[in-house]
């Protein structure tokens, strides 16, 4: 029986899988990885990017071809690189294998570092504005929790996540087994490759877990 590893996205923790986890196929073990302690322990050899972070996780959890990785958003980006390195099965939820699919105002490493280390995202005013401008009623409360959580994250942690998201890496040559995406997602644009369409927005897996679980069951 395979092991399932759950990888949350930017500023998320394992609770992002709370509604999906009970519906997942039987597994030898379901391991929800918390990114905050992993980033704290990560000591990249070479550039700080998704390749070296995936290598850290692969070694720490002994990930191999018999594992199944389920990643939401940035977690799917990490899962795709883990697949390349280990041969594990990768399932991407509202995620990407081309970082240009991420809707972002800035990608320049210096600007991203300034954003993280200045603590700009922790500003109460900016968090209130983000919540006020959020478009989707269905996931408004969940988004609000994530936005407010920004205030408790360390600046180093935020910077590490931005490095994993946007630091340049070679293109992926191996594709995931499954992509699940909502057409209305305005955080990550839908992939060019085939994908399973579900209703909702960037957090569609949280509100439509039955549909996502059914798609995952089709992955051998």
Protein backbone atom coordinates (compact mmCIF):
# COMPACT_ATOMS: atom_id res chain seq x y z
CA UNK A 1 0.00 0.00 0.00
CA UNK A 2 1.33 3.43 -0.93
CA UNK A 3 2.17 6.33 1.34
CA UNK A 4 0.41 9.68 0.76
CA UNK A 5 2.27 12.93 1.44
CA UNK A 6 0.29 16.19 1.54
CA UNK A 7 2.07 19.43 0.63
CA UNK A 8 0.36 22.76 1.45
CA UNK A 9 0.88 25.99 -0.45
CA UNK A 10 2.12 29.51 0.23
CA UNK A 11 1.30 30.62 3.81
CA UNK A 12 -0.78 27.46 4.30
CA UNK A 13 -0.49 24.58 6.74
CA UNK A 14 -1.85 21.05 6.74
CA UNK A 15 -5.38 22.22 7.64
CA UNK A 16 -5.77 23.18 3.98
CA UNK A 17 -6.40 19.43 3.42
CA UNK A 18 -8.89 19.06 6.31
CA UNK A 19 -11.92 18.34 4.13
CA UNK A 20 -10.07 16.23 1.56
CA UNK A 21 -8.01 14.03 3.85
CA UNK A 22 -10.86 11.80 5.12
CA UNK A 23 -11.87 11.04 1.52
CA UNK A 24 -8.44 10.01 0.21
CA UNK A 25 -7.82 6.41 -0.91
CA UNK A 26 -6.54 3.94 1.69
CA UNK A 27 -2.82 4.31 2.27
CA UNK A 28 -0.09 2.80 4.42
CA UNK A 29 0.41 6.26 5.90
CA UNK A 30 -0.91 9.77 5.29
CA UNK A 31 1.74 12.32 6.12
CA UNK A 32 0.81 16.01 6.11
CA UNK A 33 4.02 18.01 5.81
CA UNK A 34 4.16 21.31 7.68
CA UNK A 35 6.28 23.74 5.71
CA UNK A 36 7.22 26.14 8.53
CA UNK A 37 9.49 23.66 10.38
CA UNK A 38 10.84 22.34 7.08
CA UNK A 39 11.94 25.79 5.96
CA UNK A 40 13.50 26.36 9.39
CA UNK A 41 15.63 23.20 9.00
CA UNK A 42 16.45 23.65 5.31
CA UNK A 43 20.09 24.52 4.69
CA UNK A 44 20.34 24.72 0.90
CA UNK A 45 23.56 23.61 -0.71
CA UNK A 46 23.74 26.01 -3.62
CA UNK A 47 20.84 28.21 -4.68
CA UNK A 48 17.73 28.52 -2.53
CA UNK A 49 15.02 27.37 -4.91
CA UNK A 50 12.39 24.68 -5.37
CA UNK A 51 14.97 22.14 -6.61
CA UNK A 52 17.09 22.29 -3.46
CA UNK A 53 14.04 22.44 -1.19
CA UNK A 54 12.57 19.35 -2.87
CA UNK A 55 15.91 17.63 -2.36
CA UNK A 56 15.72 18.47 1.35
CA UNK A 57 12.24 16.91 1.62
CA UNK A 58 13.20 13.87 -0.45
CA UNK A 59 16.09 13.08 1.86
CA UNK A 60 14.28 13.88 5.10
CA UNK A 61 11.21 11.76 4.31
CA UNK A 62 12.96 9.17 2.12
CA UNK A 63 10.52 9.82 -0.70
CA UNK A 64 10.60 7.28 -3.50
CA UNK A 65 8.66 5.93 -6.48
CA UNK A 66 6.06 4.19 -4.30
CA UNK A 67 4.93 7.46 -2.69
CA UNK A 68 2.04 9.66 -3.84
CA UNK A 69 2.45 13.42 -3.45
CA UNK A 70 -0.64 15.65 -3.30
CA UNK A 71 0.21 19.33 -3.43
CA UNK A 72 -1.95 22.44 -3.39
CA UNK A 73 -0.67 25.56 -5.17
CA UNK A 74 3.02 25.98 -4.25
CA UNK A 75 2.82 22.51 -2.73
CA UNK A 76 2.08 21.10 -6.17
CA UNK A 77 5.10 22.91 -7.61
CA UNK A 78 7.21 21.23 -4.94
CA UNK A 79 5.53 17.88 -5.65
CA UNK A 80 6.35 18.16 -9.35
CA UNK A 81 10.04 18.63 -8.53
CA UNK A 82 9.95 15.79 -6.03
CA UNK A 83 8.56 13.59 -8.78
CA UNK A 84 11.48 14.53 -11.03
CA UNK A 85 13.97 13.69 -8.30
CA UNK A 86 12.38 10.55 -6.84
CA UNK A 87 9.93 9.06 -9.33
CA UNK A 88 7.00 9.53 -6.92
CA UNK A 89 3.46 10.05 -8.25
CA UNK A 90 2.46 13.73 -8.27
CA UNK A 91 -1.08 15.14 -8.00
CA UNK A 92 -1.35 18.91 -8.46
CA UNK A 93 -4.33 20.81 -7.04
CA UNK A 94 -4.75 24.39 -8.29
CA UNK A 95 -1.06 24.31 -9.02
CA UNK A 96 1.48 24.70 -11.82
CA UNK A 97 4.60 23.38 -13.50
CA UNK A 98 5.28 26.74 -15.19
CA UNK A 99 5.80 29.51 -12.59
CA UNK A 100 4.57 32.09 -15.09
CA UNK A 101 1.09 30.66 -14.47
CA UNK A 102 1.21 32.27 -11.00
CA UNK A 103 -0.51 35.66 -11.00
CA UNK A 104 2.06 37.94 -9.36
CA UNK A 105 2.80 41.66 -9.30
CA UNK A 106 6.56 41.10 -8.91
CA UNK A 107 9.03 38.35 -9.71
CA UNK A 108 12.33 40.17 -9.35
CA UNK A 109 14.36 38.48 -6.57
CA UNK A 110 15.42 41.79 -5.05
CA UNK A 111 11.86 43.11 -4.92
CA UNK A 112 10.61 39.86 -3.42
CA UNK A 113 13.34 39.94 -0.79
CA UNK A 114 12.46 43.55 0.03
CA UNK A 115 8.80 42.62 0.36
CA UNK A 116 9.59 39.74 2.69
CA UNK A 117 12.21 41.36 4.91
CA UNK A 118 10.41 44.70 5.19
CA UNK A 119 7.42 42.91 6.67
CA UNK A 120 5.15 44.72 4.23
CA UNK A 121 2.77 41.79 3.95
CA UNK A 122 2.28 41.81 7.72
CA UNK A 123 0.76 45.29 7.58
CA UNK A 124 -2.75 45.35 9.07
CA UNK A 125 -3.81 47.83 6.39
CA UNK A 126 -2.63 45.64 3.51
CA UNK A 127 -4.20 42.53 5.00
CA UNK A 128 -7.50 44.36 5.44
CA UNK A 129 -7.34 45.60 1.87
CA UNK A 130 -6.63 42.11 0.51
CA UNK A 131 -9.61 40.70 2.39
CA UNK A 132 -11.85 43.55 1.25
CA UNK A 133 -10.89 43.08 -2.41
CA UNK A 134 -11.26 39.30 -2.38
CA UNK A 135 -13.79 38.22 -5.02
CA UNK A 136 -15.04 34.80 -3.96
CA UNK A 137 -17.70 34.55 -1.27
CA UNK A 138 -17.37 30.78 -0.98
CA UNK A 139 -13.76 30.89 0.23
CA UNK A 140 -13.75 34.38 1.76
CA UNK A 141 -13.43 33.13 5.36
CA UNK A 142 -10.60 30.74 4.48
CA UNK A 143 -8.74 33.45 2.57
CA UNK A 144 -9.18 35.81 5.53
CA UNK A 145 -7.59 33.27 7.86
CA UNK A 146 -4.59 32.91 5.57
CA UNK A 147 -4.23 36.68 5.17
CA UNK A 148 -4.36 37.25 8.92
CA UNK A 149 -1.88 34.42 9.45
CA UNK A 150 0.70 36.46 7.57
CA UNK A 151 1.20 38.55 10.72
CA UNK A 152 2.59 35.59 12.68
CA UNK A 153 5.00 34.29 10.05
CA UNK A 154 8.65 35.25 10.30
CA UNK A 155 10.16 37.37 7.55
CA UNK A 156 12.71 34.66 6.81
CA UNK A 157 9.94 32.12 6.34
CA UNK A 158 8.09 34.36 3.89
CA UNK A 159 11.31 34.97 1.95
CA UNK A 160 12.06 31.26 1.73
CA UNK A 161 8.61 30.59 0.30
CA UNK A 162 9.02 33.32 -2.30
CA UNK A 163 12.37 31.82 -3.28
CA UNK A 164 10.75 28.42 -3.76
CA UNK A 165 7.99 30.00 -5.83
CA UNK A 166 10.03 32.28 -8.08
CA UNK A 167 13.77 31.57 -7.98
CA UNK A 168 14.82 30.46 -11.50
CA UNK A 169 15.14 26.73 -12.09
CA UNK A 170 15.42 24.60 -15.26
CA UNK A 171 12.10 23.63 -16.90
CA UNK A 172 10.49 20.43 -15.68
CA UNK A 173 10.93 17.54 -18.07
CA UNK A 174 8.57 15.12 -16.28
CA UNK A 175 4.86 15.87 -15.99
CA UNK A 176 2.59 15.04 -13.03
CA UNK A 177 0.09 12.19 -13.21
CA UNK A 178 -2.88 14.43 -12.42
CA UNK A 179 -3.79 18.12 -12.47
CA UNK A 180 -7.02 19.39 -10.90
CA UNK A 181 -7.98 23.02 -11.42
CA UNK A 182 -10.91 25.43 -11.27
CA UNK A 183 -11.38 27.69 -14.28
CA UNK A 184 -12.18 30.67 -12.04
CA UNK A 185 -8.85 30.40 -10.17
CA UNK A 186 -7.31 33.87 -10.16
CA UNK A 187 -4.17 32.95 -8.19
CA UNK A 188 -2.83 30.32 -10.59
CA UNK A 189 -4.03 30.33 -14.19
CA UNK A 190 -5.31 27.00 -15.55
CA UNK A 191 -2.63 24.78 -17.08
CA UNK A 192 -2.08 24.37 -20.81
CA UNK A 193 -1.85 20.62 -20.27
CA UNK A 194 -4.92 18.39 -19.76
CA UNK A 195 -6.56 18.73 -16.35
CA UNK A 196 -9.69 17.76 -14.42
CA UNK A 197 -12.03 20.75 -14.14
CA UNK A 198 -13.82 21.34 -10.86
CA UNK A 199 -16.03 24.21 -9.66
CA UNK A 200 -14.84 26.95 -7.34
CA UNK A 201 -11.70 29.06 -7.11
CA UNK A 202 -8.11 28.63 -5.95
CA UNK A 203 -9.30 26.71 -2.90
CA UNK A 204 -11.68 24.48 -4.85
CA UNK A 205 -10.31 21.25 -3.36
CA UNK A 206 -11.37 22.44 0.10
CA UNK A 207 -15.00 23.05 -0.92
CA UNK A 208 -15.41 20.23 -3.44
CA UNK A 209 -13.34 17.46 -1.83
CA UNK A 210 -15.54 14.64 -3.14
CA UNK A 211 -14.78 15.61 -6.74
CA UNK A 212 -11.07 15.89 -6.05
CA UNK A 213 -10.95 12.59 -4.17
CA UNK A 214 -12.70 10.88 -7.06
CA UNK A 215 -10.11 12.21 -9.50
CA UNK A 216 -7.26 11.09 -7.25
CA UNK A 217 -8.68 7.56 -7.05
CA UNK A 218 -8.18 7.30 -10.81
CA UNK A 219 -4.41 7.64 -10.38
CA UNK A 220 -2.85 4.22 -10.24
